[in-house]
Amino acid sequence: MPIKIIYFPNLLYNCERPYYPLTSLPDSIIAKGVVFAFKNTKTSGFKKNGVLAIALVLNSNVDDTNYYKSIERLKNLVCLSYTSMPSELVLENTHKTIQEVVDSNLADHFYDPKVRFGGQLDWDLPLRIATYSQNIAKLSNINQTKFWQALQTFSYARLIAYLPNPQYKYTLYMTLHLASINQLAEKPKNLHNPAGHLMCVECKEQLNSTHQTSHVDEIVKLIEKLIPTEHQKRHIKFMKKLFHPIRSGFIHEGNFAGKEDLGGFIGLWGDPSTNQLSESDINLMIFNRSLLEQFLEKYKI
């Protein structure tokens, strides 16, 4: 079976163990894999730690029909852990087993508990990737689909946030983060089944209302399921503050909650209102990531 080795030169490996086993992703051609610290001589600027690498044993060669469910989804898991969409390089393989790959390419240094490299949120990012793969395999088919869709939307948001001039794309990637959270929640409950409109008792015209609950209502329920009780009120308040002003205003009317038309959070640097934009950006990204992770923990079978 073919072995594929990919490494990420911009993602530093900083974890207690030098490698962790990956579980095969559902519907992929991955038979097994390992996340490990790759010995990359180009990382001299980051002390001696290696960079993130993944070695995979595949059931068949990668092609257009299986790339997305095998490699792209794996990259999305890396994005969820490191909170940035990674750029990978492929290493030509001359080995017959994963163990040979690891033994030949393993970095001498892989853990510094006193340092956070490159703004990384945590020290255990490689372990998180391995844990994600294990938990995904334990989800029901319906929850796997829901998770993958919400994760792809999260990854789109992170990709856009790191493009040149992110201050002009704030409303777009924030809307995507809100959409990702929305995709984890249940759909609004209909007033009737099948769905039907309310009718005005005076003029007998149909009203533009078919739901008993709203998207925000269902997001609140999601938060109550996934977030510890002591933190729920803070997160619910945060979501209600952002959801309609950013998402609805942009989708329905094209309004820029990020003040892109005035220069965004860079062009208006020093304006107190733009400080809130940057804080909301970071907090929403972290909250979206947390909900995706908690979803995996809550719904694994």
C-alpha atoms as a PDB file:
ATOM      1  CA  MET A   1       0.000   0.000   0.000  1.00  0.00           C
ATOM      2  CA  PRO A   2       1.336   3.482  -0.842  1.00  0.00           C
ATOM      3  CA  ILE A   3       2.714   5.728   1.893  1.00  0.00           C
ATOM      4  CA  LYS A   4       2.231   9.496   1.719  1.00  0.00           C
ATOM      5  CA  ILE A   5       4.269  11.956   3.805  1.00  0.00           C
ATOM      6  CA  ILE A   6       3.200  15.580   4.137  1.00  0.00           C
ATOM      7  CA  TYR A   7       4.713  18.209   6.376  1.00  0.00           C
ATOM      8  CA  PHE A   8       3.803  21.752   7.296  1.00  0.00           C
ATOM      9  CA  PRO A   9       6.894  24.020   7.424  1.00  0.00           C
ATOM     10  CA  ASN A  10       5.044  26.869   9.154  1.00  0.00           C
ATOM     11  CA  LEU A  11       3.472  24.799  11.949  1.00  0.00           C
ATOM     12  CA  LEU A  12       5.813  24.078  14.852  1.00  0.00           C
ATOM     13  CA  TYR A  13       5.479  20.787  16.687  1.00  0.00           C
ATOM     14  CA  ASN A  14       5.323  21.383  20.445  1.00  0.00           C
ATOM     15  CA  CYS A  15       3.881  18.416  22.326  1.00  0.00           C
ATOM     16  CA  GLU A  16       4.907  16.057  25.096  1.00  0.00           C
ATOM     17  CA  ARG A  17       5.384  13.008  22.854  1.00  0.00           C
ATOM     18  CA  PRO A  18       7.174  12.978  19.469  1.00  0.00           C
ATOM     19  CA  TYR A  19       4.353  11.203  17.611  1.00  0.00           C
ATOM     20  CA  TYR A  20       0.725  10.097  17.949  1.00  0.00           C
ATOM     21  CA  PRO A  21      -1.294   7.542  15.946  1.00  0.00           C
ATOM     22  CA  LEU A  22      -4.062   8.732  13.630  1.00  0.00           C
ATOM     23  CA  THR A  23      -7.332   6.875  13.226  1.00  0.00           C
ATOM     24  CA  SER A  24      -8.560   6.324   9.678  1.00  0.00           C
ATOM     25  CA  LEU A  25     -11.082   8.957   8.591  1.00  0.00           C
ATOM     26  CA  PRO A  26     -14.504   7.584   7.545  1.00  0.00           C
ATOM     27  CA  ASP A  27     -15.003   7.312   3.753  1.00  0.00           C
ATOM     28  CA  SER A  28     -11.304   7.993   3.149  1.00  0.00           C
ATOM     29  CA  ILE A  29      -8.516   5.911   1.607  1.00  0.00           C
ATOM     30  CA  ILE A  30      -6.437   6.285   4.778  1.00  0.00           C
ATOM     31  CA  ALA A  31      -5.661   2.890   6.310  1.00  0.00           C
ATOM     32  CA  LYS A  32      -3.627   4.292   9.196  1.00  0.00           C
ATOM     33  CA  GLY A  33      -1.360   7.188   9.960  1.00  0.00           C
ATOM     34  CA  VAL A  34       0.793   9.033  12.456  1.00  0.00           C
ATOM     35  CA  VAL A  35       1.307  12.667  13.432  1.00  0.00           C
ATOM     36  CA  PHE A  36       4.955  13.333  14.244  1.00  0.00           C
ATOM     37  CA  ALA A  37       7.678  15.951  14.738  1.00  0.00           C
ATOM     38  CA  PHE A  38       9.511  16.299  11.435  1.00  0.00           C
ATOM     39  CA  LYS A  39      13.214  17.113  11.401  1.00  0.00           C
ATOM     40  CA  ASN A  40      13.295  20.208   9.245  1.00  0.00           C
ATOM     41  CA  THR A  41      16.559  22.154   8.995  1.00  0.00           C
ATOM     42  CA  LYS A  42      14.676  25.299   7.986  1.00  0.00           C
ATOM     43  CA  THR A  43      13.295  25.758  11.523  1.00  0.00           C
ATOM     44  CA  SER A  44      16.500  27.168  13.017  1.00  0.00           C
ATOM     45  CA  GLY A  45      14.655  30.408  13.784  1.00  0.00           C
ATOM     46  CA  PHE A  46      12.350  28.484  16.130  1.00  0.00           C
ATOM     47  CA  LYS A  47      15.059  26.957  18.326  1.00  0.00           C
ATOM     48  CA  LYS A  48      15.360  23.275  17.459  1.00  0.00           C
ATOM     49  CA  ASN A  49      11.780  22.051  17.521  1.00  0.00           C
ATOM     50  CA  GLY A  50      10.591  20.120  14.509  1.00  0.00           C
ATOM     51  CA  VAL A  51       7.563  20.960  12.414  1.00  0.00           C
ATOM     52  CA  LEU A  52       4.268  19.112  12.142  1.00  0.00           C
ATOM     53  CA  ALA A  53       4.240  16.170   9.745  1.00  0.00           C
ATOM     54  CA  ILE A  54       1.820  13.362   8.922  1.00  0.00           C
ATOM     55  CA  ALA A  55       2.632   9.974   7.434  1.00  0.00           C
ATOM     56  CA  LEU A  56      -0.232   7.982   5.946  1.00  0.00           C
ATOM     57  CA  VAL A  57      -0.659   4.426   4.730  1.00  0.00           C
ATOM     58  CA  LEU A  58      -3.233   4.576   1.926  1.00  0.00           C
ATOM     59  CA  ASN A  59      -5.493   1.891   0.508  1.00  0.00           C
ATOM     60  CA  SER A  60      -4.999   3.308  -2.990  1.00  0.00           C
ATOM     61  CA  ASN A  61      -3.334   6.201  -4.775  1.00  0.00           C
ATOM     62  CA  VAL A  62      -4.716   9.714  -4.257  1.00  0.00           C
ATOM     63  CA  ASP A  63      -6.837  11.042  -7.122  1.00  0.00           C
ATOM     64  CA  ASP A  64      -9.552  13.641  -7.720  1.00  0.00           C
ATOM     65  CA  THR A  65     -12.298  11.354  -6.415  1.00  0.00           C
ATOM     66  CA  ASN A  66     -10.765  10.657  -2.995  1.00  0.00           C
ATOM     67  CA  TYR A  67      -8.530  13.673  -2.301  1.00  0.00           C
ATOM     68  CA  TYR A  68     -11.164  15.733  -0.498  1.00  0.00           C
ATOM     69  CA  LYS A  69     -12.338  13.069   1.959  1.00  0.00           C
ATOM     70  CA  SER A  70      -8.790  11.931   2.663  1.00  0.00           C
ATOM     71  CA  ILE A  71      -6.322  14.816   2.466  1.00  0.00           C
ATOM     72  CA  GLU A  72      -8.459  17.978   2.525  1.00  0.00           C
ATOM     73  CA  ARG A  73     -10.457  16.847   5.549  1.00  0.00           C
ATOM     74  CA  LEU A  74      -7.235  15.939   7.327  1.00  0.00           C
ATOM     75  CA  LYS A  75      -5.906  19.436   6.604  1.00  0.00           C
ATOM     76  CA  ASN A  76      -9.133  20.849   8.036  1.00  0.00           C
ATOM     77  CA  LEU A  77      -8.437  18.960  11.269  1.00  0.00           C
ATOM     78  CA  VAL A  78      -4.982  20.525  11.328  1.00  0.00           C
ATOM     79  CA  CYS A  79      -6.663  23.901  10.811  1.00  0.00           C
ATOM     80  CA  LEU A  80      -9.020  23.250  13.730  1.00  0.00           C
ATOM     81  CA  SER A  81      -6.095  22.502  16.024  1.00  0.00           C
ATOM     82  CA  TYR A  82      -3.703  25.234  14.879  1.00  0.00           C
ATOM     83  CA  THR A  83      -6.510  27.730  13.931  1.00  0.00           C
ATOM     84  CA  SER A  84      -4.898  28.549  10.578  1.00  0.00           C
ATOM     85  CA  MET A  85      -5.350  26.848   7.212  1.00  0.00           C
ATOM     86  CA  PRO A  86      -2.056  25.015   6.618  1.00  0.00           C
ATOM     87  CA  SER A  87       0.129  24.916   3.516  1.00  0.00           C
ATOM     88  CA  GLU A  88       1.707  21.511   3.105  1.00  0.00           C
ATOM     89  CA  LEU A  89       4.729  20.109   1.290  1.00  0.00           C
ATOM     90  CA  VAL A  90       5.003  16.491   0.134  1.00  0.00           C
ATOM     91  CA  LEU A  91       8.120  14.480   0.978  1.00  0.00           C
ATOM     92  CA  GLU A  92       9.163  11.791  -1.466  1.00  0.00           C
ATOM     93  CA  ASN A  93       8.899   8.435   0.281  1.00  0.00           C
ATOM     94  CA  THR A  94      11.502   5.659   0.069  1.00  0.00           C
ATOM     95  CA  HIS A  95      10.317   3.671   3.080  1.00  0.00           C
ATOM     96  CA  LYS A  96       8.107   0.592   3.368  1.00  0.00           C
ATOM     97  CA  THR A  97       6.498   1.270   6.766  1.00  0.00           C
ATOM     98  CA  ILE A  98       5.343   4.235   8.826  1.00  0.00           C
ATOM     99  CA  GLN A  99       7.801   3.316  11.549  1.00  0.00           C
ATOM    100  CA  GLU A 100      10.656   3.626   9.068  1.00  0.00           C
ATOM    101  CA  VAL A 101       9.347   7.046   8.022  1.00  0.00           C
ATOM    102  CA  VAL A 102       9.224   8.257  11.633  1.00  0.00           C
ATOM    103  CA  ASP A 103      12.621   6.804  12.547  1.00  0.00           C
ATOM    104  CA  SER A 104      14.303   8.485   9.559  1.00  0.00           C
ATOM    105  CA  ASN A 105      12.670  11.901   9.888  1.00  0.00           C
ATOM    106  CA  LEU A 106      11.953  12.410  13.584  1.00  0.00           C
ATOM    107  CA  ALA A 107      13.159  15.700  15.072  1.00  0.00           C
ATOM    108  CA  ASP A 108      15.534  15.585  18.040  1.00  0.00           C
ATOM    109  CA  HIS A 109      13.551  18.315  19.836  1.00  0.00           C
ATOM    110  CA  PHE A 110       9.767  18.400  19.920  1.00  0.00           C
ATOM    111  CA  TYR A 111       8.595  19.874  23.258  1.00  0.00           C
ATOM    112  CA  ASP A 112       9.190  23.053  25.208  1.00  0.00           C
ATOM    113  CA  PRO A 113       6.483  23.471  27.897  1.00  0.00           C
ATOM    114  CA  LYS A 114       7.579  27.039  28.614  1.00  0.00           C
ATOM    115  CA  VAL A 115       7.073  28.386  25.086  1.00  0.00           C
ATOM    116  CA  ARG A 116       4.099  29.018  22.826  1.00  0.00           C
ATOM    117  CA  PHE A 117       5.372  29.171  19.276  1.00  0.00           C
ATOM    118  CA  GLY A 118       3.976  31.578  16.697  1.00  0.00           C
ATOM    119  CA  GLY A 119       0.901  32.586  18.677  1.00  0.00           C
ATOM    120  CA  GLN A 120      -0.308  28.991  19.016  1.00  0.00           C
ATOM    121  CA  LEU A 121      -3.184  28.664  21.479  1.00  0.00           C
ATOM    122  CA  ASP A 122      -2.026  25.499  23.232  1.00  0.00           C
ATOM    123  CA  TRP A 123       0.912  23.123  23.674  1.00  0.00           C
ATOM    124  CA  ASP A 124      -0.946  19.939  22.678  1.00  0.00           C
ATOM    125  CA  LEU A 125      -1.909  20.752  19.082  1.00  0.00           C
ATOM    126  CA  PRO A 126      -0.516  17.560  17.459  1.00  0.00           C
ATOM    127  CA  LEU A 127      -2.270  15.427  20.093  1.00  0.00           C
ATOM    128  CA  ARG A 128      -5.533  17.238  19.373  1.00  0.00           C
ATOM    129  CA  ILE A 129      -5.351  16.225  15.701  1.00  0.00           C
ATOM    130  CA  ALA A 130      -4.937  12.568  16.659  1.00  0.00           C
ATOM    131  CA  THR A 131      -7.790  12.817  19.180  1.00  0.00           C
ATOM    132  CA  TYR A 132     -10.092  14.418  16.603  1.00  0.00           C
ATOM    133  CA  SER A 133      -9.540  11.470  14.265  1.00  0.00           C
ATOM    134  CA  GLN A 134     -10.428   9.002  17.023  1.00  0.00           C
ATOM    135  CA  ASN A 135     -13.608  10.832  18.022  1.00  0.00           C
ATOM    136  CA  ILE A 136     -14.870  11.373  14.469  1.00  0.00           C
ATOM    137  CA  ALA A 137     -14.888   7.620  13.948  1.00  0.00           C
ATOM    138  CA  LYS A 138     -17.205   7.352  16.982  1.00  0.00           C
ATOM    139  CA  LEU A 139     -19.861   9.763  15.662  1.00  0.00           C
ATOM    140  CA  SER A 140     -23.076   8.639  14.026  1.00  0.00           C
ATOM    141  CA  ASN A 141     -23.276   9.155  10.268  1.00  0.00           C
ATOM    142  CA  ILE A 142     -25.593  12.149  10.726  1.00  0.00           C
ATOM    143  CA  ASN A 143     -23.280  13.817  13.231  1.00  0.00           C
ATOM    144  CA  GLN A 144     -20.229  13.073  11.091  1.00  0.00           C
ATOM    145  CA  THR A 145     -21.848  14.955   8.213  1.00  0.00           C
ATOM    146  CA  LYS A 146     -22.809  17.845  10.481  1.00  0.00           C
ATOM    147  CA  PHE A 147     -19.307  18.056  11.941  1.00  0.00           C
ATOM    148  CA  TRP A 148     -17.510  17.888   8.575  1.00  0.00           C
ATOM    149  CA  GLN A 149     -19.710  20.629   7.113  1.00  0.00           C
ATOM    150  CA  ALA A 150     -19.245  22.924  10.113  1.00  0.00           C
ATOM    151  CA  LEU A 151     -15.494  22.237  10.127  1.00  0.00           C
ATOM    152  CA  GLN A 152     -15.176  23.095   6.427  1.00  0.00           C
ATOM    153  CA  THR A 153     -16.927  26.401   7.079  1.00  0.00           C
ATOM    154  CA  PHE A 154     -14.547  27.072  10.004  1.00  0.00           C
ATOM    155  CA  SER A 155     -11.604  26.341   7.704  1.00  0.00           C
ATOM    156  CA  TYR A 156     -12.932  28.721   5.026  1.00  0.00           C
ATOM    157  CA  ALA A 157     -13.139  31.419   7.695  1.00  0.00           C
ATOM    158  CA  ARG A 158      -9.545  30.853   8.807  1.00  0.00           C
ATOM    159  CA  LEU A 159      -8.302  30.854   5.224  1.00  0.00           C
ATOM    160  CA  ILE A 160      -9.979  34.182   4.479  1.00  0.00           C
ATOM    161  CA  ALA A 161      -8.785  35.670   7.773  1.00  0.00           C
ATOM    162  CA  TYR A 162      -5.164  35.055   6.746  1.00  0.00           C
ATOM    163  CA  LEU A 163      -5.437  36.419   3.219  1.00  0.00           C
ATOM    164  CA  PRO A 164      -3.845  39.809   2.476  1.00  0.00           C
ATOM    165  CA  ASN A 165      -5.748  42.762   3.936  1.00  0.00           C
ATOM    166  CA  PRO A 166      -7.982  40.819   6.361  1.00  0.00           C
ATOM    167  CA  GLN A 167      -9.428  44.117   7.636  1.00  0.00           C
ATOM    168  CA  TYR A 168     -11.434  44.282   4.396  1.00  0.00           C
ATOM    169  CA  LYS A 169     -12.827  40.752   4.854  1.00  0.00           C
ATOM    170  CA  TYR A 170     -13.772  40.888   8.541  1.00  0.00           C
ATOM    171  CA  THR A 171     -17.538  40.706   7.990  1.00  0.00           C
ATOM    172  CA  LEU A 172     -17.156  37.758   5.601  1.00  0.00           C
ATOM    173  CA  TYR A 173     -15.020  35.519   7.784  1.00  0.00           C
ATOM    174  CA  MET A 174     -16.938  36.459  10.929  1.00  0.00           C
ATOM    175  CA  THR A 175     -20.152  35.493   9.103  1.00  0.00           C
ATOM    176  CA  LEU A 176     -18.555  32.151   8.234  1.00  0.00           C
ATOM    177  CA  HIS A 177     -17.654  31.507  11.874  1.00  0.00           C
ATOM    178  CA  LEU A 178     -21.249  32.264  12.865  1.00  0.00           C
ATOM    179  CA  ALA A 179     -22.452  29.978  10.062  1.00  0.00           C
ATOM    180  CA  SER A 180     -20.190  27.173  11.297  1.00  0.00           C
ATOM    181  CA  ILE A 181     -21.692  27.410  14.777  1.00  0.00           C
ATOM    182  CA  ASN A 182     -25.179  27.569  13.262  1.00  0.00           C
ATOM    183  CA  GLN A 183     -24.463  24.389  11.271  1.00  0.00           C
ATOM    184  CA  LEU A 184     -23.694  22.484  14.476  1.00  0.00           C
ATOM    185  CA  ALA A 185     -27.062  23.459  15.943  1.00  0.00           C
ATOM    186  CA  GLU A 186     -30.408  21.922  15.082  1.00  0.00           C
ATOM    187  CA  LYS A 187     -32.633  23.486  12.435  1.00  0.00           C
ATOM    188  CA  PRO A 188     -35.393  25.807  13.703  1.00  0.00           C
ATOM    189  CA  LYS A 189     -38.533  23.900  14.623  1.00  0.00           C
ATOM    190  CA  ASN A 190     -41.499  24.393  12.302  1.00  0.00           C
ATOM    191  CA  LEU A 191     -44.834  25.674  13.523  1.00  0.00           C
ATOM    192  CA  HIS A 192     -46.499  22.857  11.610  1.00  0.00           C
ATOM    193  CA  ASN A 193     -45.321  19.652  10.009  1.00  0.00           C
ATOM    194  CA  PRO A 194     -45.104  19.994   7.064  1.00  0.00           C
ATOM    195  CA  ALA A 195     -44.111  23.645   7.406  1.00  0.00           C
ATOM    196  CA  GLY A 196     -46.857  26.188   6.874  1.00  0.00           C
ATOM    197  CA  HIS A 197     -47.231  29.957   7.172  1.00  0.00           C
ATOM    198  CA  LEU A 198     -49.292  31.738   9.792  1.00  0.00           C
ATOM    199  CA  MET A 199     -52.291  33.622   8.427  1.00  0.00           C
ATOM    200  CA  CYS A 200     -53.448  37.063   9.511  1.00  0.00           C
ATOM    201  CA  VAL A 201     -56.881  36.786  11.141  1.00  0.00           C
ATOM    202  CA  GLU A 202     -57.932  40.197   9.747  1.00  0.00           C
ATOM    203  CA  CYS A 203     -56.786  40.263   6.132  1.00  0.00           C
ATOM    204  CA  LYS A 204     -56.309  36.512   5.677  1.00  0.00           C
ATOM    205  CA  GLU A 205     -52.871  37.022   4.128  1.00  0.00           C
ATOM    206  CA  GLN A 206     -49.975  34.701   4.897  1.00  0.00           C
ATOM    207  CA  LEU A 207     -47.412  36.049   7.334  1.00  0.00           C
ATOM    208  CA  ASN A 208     -43.703  35.569   6.828  1.00  0.00           C
ATOM    209  CA  SER A 209     -43.379  33.219   9.791  1.00  0.00           C
ATOM    210  CA  THR A 210     -43.061  29.442   9.612  1.00  0.00           C
ATOM    211  CA  HIS A 211     -40.869  28.594  12.599  1.00  0.00           C
ATOM    212  CA  GLN A 212     -41.582  28.047  16.255  1.00  0.00           C
ATOM    213  CA  THR A 213     -37.891  28.568  17.082  1.00  0.00           C
ATOM    214  CA  SER A 214     -35.154  30.621  15.394  1.00  0.00           C
ATOM    215  CA  HIS A 215     -31.533  29.934  14.481  1.00  0.00           C
ATOM    216  CA  VAL A 216     -30.431  31.858  17.560  1.00  0.00           C
ATOM    217  CA  ASP A 217     -32.778  29.802  19.748  1.00  0.00           C
ATOM    218  CA  GLU A 218     -31.193  26.602  18.488  1.00  0.00           C
ATOM    219  CA  ILE A 219     -27.661  27.981  18.940  1.00  0.00           C
ATOM    220  CA  VAL A 220     -28.572  28.783  22.555  1.00  0.00           C
ATOM    221  CA  LYS A 221     -29.694  25.167  23.005  1.00  0.00           C
ATOM    222  CA  LEU A 222     -26.410  24.002  21.476  1.00  0.00           C
ATOM    223  CA  ILE A 223     -24.435  26.128  23.927  1.00  0.00           C
ATOM    224  CA  GLU A 224     -26.474  24.741  26.819  1.00  0.00           C
ATOM    225  CA  LYS A 225     -25.628  21.199  25.680  1.00  0.00           C
ATOM    226  CA  LEU A 226     -21.919  21.681  25.058  1.00  0.00           C
ATOM    227  CA  ILE A 227     -20.679  24.429  27.391  1.00  0.00           C
ATOM    228  CA  PRO A 228     -20.340  24.092  31.199  1.00  0.00           C
ATOM    229  CA  THR A 229     -23.151  25.802  33.088  1.00  0.00           C
ATOM    230  CA  GLU A 230     -20.965  28.475  34.678  1.00  0.00           C
ATOM    231  CA  HIS A 231     -19.900  29.783  31.238  1.00  0.00           C
ATOM    232  CA  GLN A 232     -23.205  29.543  29.361  1.00  0.00           C
ATOM    233  CA  LYS A 233     -24.609  33.023  30.065  1.00  0.00           C
ATOM    234  CA  ARG A 234     -21.435  34.748  28.881  1.00  0.00           C
ATOM    235  CA  HIS A 235     -21.335  32.798  25.614  1.00  0.00           C
ATOM    236  CA  ILE A 236     -25.061  33.176  24.937  1.00  0.00           C
ATOM    237  CA  LYS A 237     -24.792  36.943  25.429  1.00  0.00           C
ATOM    238  CA  PHE A 238     -21.786  37.023  23.099  1.00  0.00           C
ATOM    239  CA  MET A 239     -23.593  35.075  20.352  1.00  0.00           C
ATOM    240  CA  LYS A 240     -26.746  37.186  20.548  1.00  0.00           C
ATOM    241  CA  LYS A 241     -24.619  40.322  20.318  1.00  0.00           C
ATOM    242  CA  LEU A 242     -22.943  39.172  17.074  1.00  0.00           C
ATOM    243  CA  PHE A 243     -25.384  36.949  15.195  1.00  0.00           C
ATOM    244  CA  HIS A 244     -27.886  39.393  13.732  1.00  0.00           C
ATOM    245  CA  PRO A 245     -25.709  42.524  13.414  1.00  0.00           C
ATOM    246  CA  ILE A 246     -22.961  40.653  11.548  1.00  0.00           C
ATOM    247  CA  ARG A 247     -24.519  37.665   9.792  1.00  0.00           C
ATOM    248  CA  SER A 248     -28.032  38.876   9.018  1.00  0.00           C
ATOM    249  CA  GLY A 249     -26.990  42.423   8.184  1.00  0.00           C
ATOM    250  CA  PHE A 250     -24.383  41.178   5.740  1.00  0.00           C
ATOM    251  CA  ILE A 251     -26.397  38.389   4.105  1.00  0.00           C
ATOM    252  CA  HIS A 252     -29.645  40.294   3.701  1.00  0.00           C
ATOM    253  CA  GLU A 253     -28.490  43.876   3.202  1.00  0.00           C
ATOM    254  CA  GLY A 254     -24.758  43.760   2.483  1.00  0.00           C
ATOM    255  CA  ASN A 255     -23.899  45.792   5.588  1.00  0.00           C
ATOM    256  CA  PHE A 256     -20.287  45.750   6.775  1.00  0.00           C
ATOM    257  CA  ALA A 257     -20.171  45.164  10.520  1.00  0.00           C
ATOM    258  CA  GLY A 258     -16.376  45.321  10.292  1.00  0.00           C
ATOM    259  CA  LYS A 259     -16.453  48.876   8.910  1.00  0.00           C
ATOM    260  CA  GLU A 260     -14.588  47.733   5.805  1.00  0.00           C
ATOM    261  CA  ASP A 261     -15.880  50.742   3.871  1.00  0.00           C
ATOM    262  CA  LEU A 262     -14.150  53.033   6.406  1.00  0.00           C
ATOM    263  CA  GLY A 263     -10.835  51.182   6.427  1.00  0.00           C
ATOM    264  CA  GLY A 264     -11.694  48.378   8.818  1.00  0.00           C
ATOM    265  CA  PHE A 265      -9.968  47.765  12.134  1.00  0.00           C
ATOM    266  CA  ILE A 266      -6.602  48.910  10.740  1.00  0.00           C
ATOM    267  CA  GLY A 267      -7.773  52.056   8.963  1.00  0.00           C
ATOM    268  CA  LEU A 268      -9.594  53.176  12.117  1.00  0.00           C
ATOM    269  CA  TRP A 269      -6.827  52.162  14.505  1.00  0.00           C
ATOM    270  CA  GLY A 270      -7.241  53.949  17.825  1.00  0.00           C
ATOM    271  CA  ASP A 271     -11.008  54.267  17.489  1.00  0.00           C
ATOM    272  CA  PRO A 272     -12.425  52.512  20.608  1.00  0.00           C
ATOM    273  CA  SER A 273     -15.094  50.800  18.509  1.00  0.00           C
ATOM    274  CA  THR A 274     -12.462  49.016  16.398  1.00  0.00           C
ATOM    275  CA  ASN A 275     -10.828  47.503  19.486  1.00  0.00           C
ATOM    276  CA  GLN A 276     -14.060  45.608  20.002  1.00  0.00           C
ATOM    277  CA  LEU A 277     -13.845  44.283  16.423  1.00  0.00           C
ATOM    278  CA  SER A 278     -10.462  42.676  17.074  1.00  0.00           C
ATOM    279  CA  GLU A 279     -11.592  41.218  20.390  1.00  0.00           C
ATOM    280  CA  SER A 280     -14.747  39.776  18.852  1.00  0.00           C
ATOM    281  CA  ASP A 281     -12.684  38.299  16.011  1.00  0.00           C
ATOM    282  CA  ILE A 282     -10.401  36.348  18.360  1.00  0.00           C
ATOM    283  CA  ASN A 283     -13.163  35.382  20.784  1.00  0.00           C
ATOM    284  CA  LEU A 284     -15.488  34.101  18.051  1.00  0.00           C
ATOM    285  CA  MET A 285     -12.737  32.044  16.423  1.00  0.00           C
ATOM    286  CA  ILE A 286     -11.821  30.431  19.765  1.00  0.00           C
ATOM    287  CA  PHE A 287     -15.490  29.848  20.615  1.00  0.00           C
ATOM    288  CA  ASN A 288     -16.183  28.254  17.208  1.00  0.00           C
ATOM    289  CA  ARG A 289     -13.182  25.974  17.699  1.00  0.00           C
ATOM    290  CA  SER A 290     -14.320  25.037  21.203  1.00  0.00           C
ATOM    291  CA  LEU A 291     -17.831  24.135  20.058  1.00  0.00           C
ATOM    292  CA  LEU A 292     -16.470  21.911  17.283  1.00  0.00           C
ATOM    293  CA  GLU A 293     -14.244  20.131  19.789  1.00  0.00           C
ATOM    294  CA  GLN A 294     -17.022  19.803  22.369  1.00  0.00           C
ATOM    295  CA  PHE A 295     -19.379  18.487  19.680  1.00  0.00           C
ATOM    296  CA  LEU A 296     -16.930  15.635  19.038  1.00  0.00           C
ATOM    297  CA  GLU A 297     -16.745  14.833  22.742  1.00  0.00           C
ATOM    298  CA  LYS A 298     -20.476  15.095  23.395  1.00  0.00           C
ATOM    299  CA  TYR A 299     -21.761  13.010  20.501  1.00  0.00           C
ATOM    300  CA  LYS A 300     -19.173  10.248  20.187  1.00  0.00           C
ATOM    301  CA  ILE A 301     -20.738   6.845  20.659  1.00  0.00           C
END
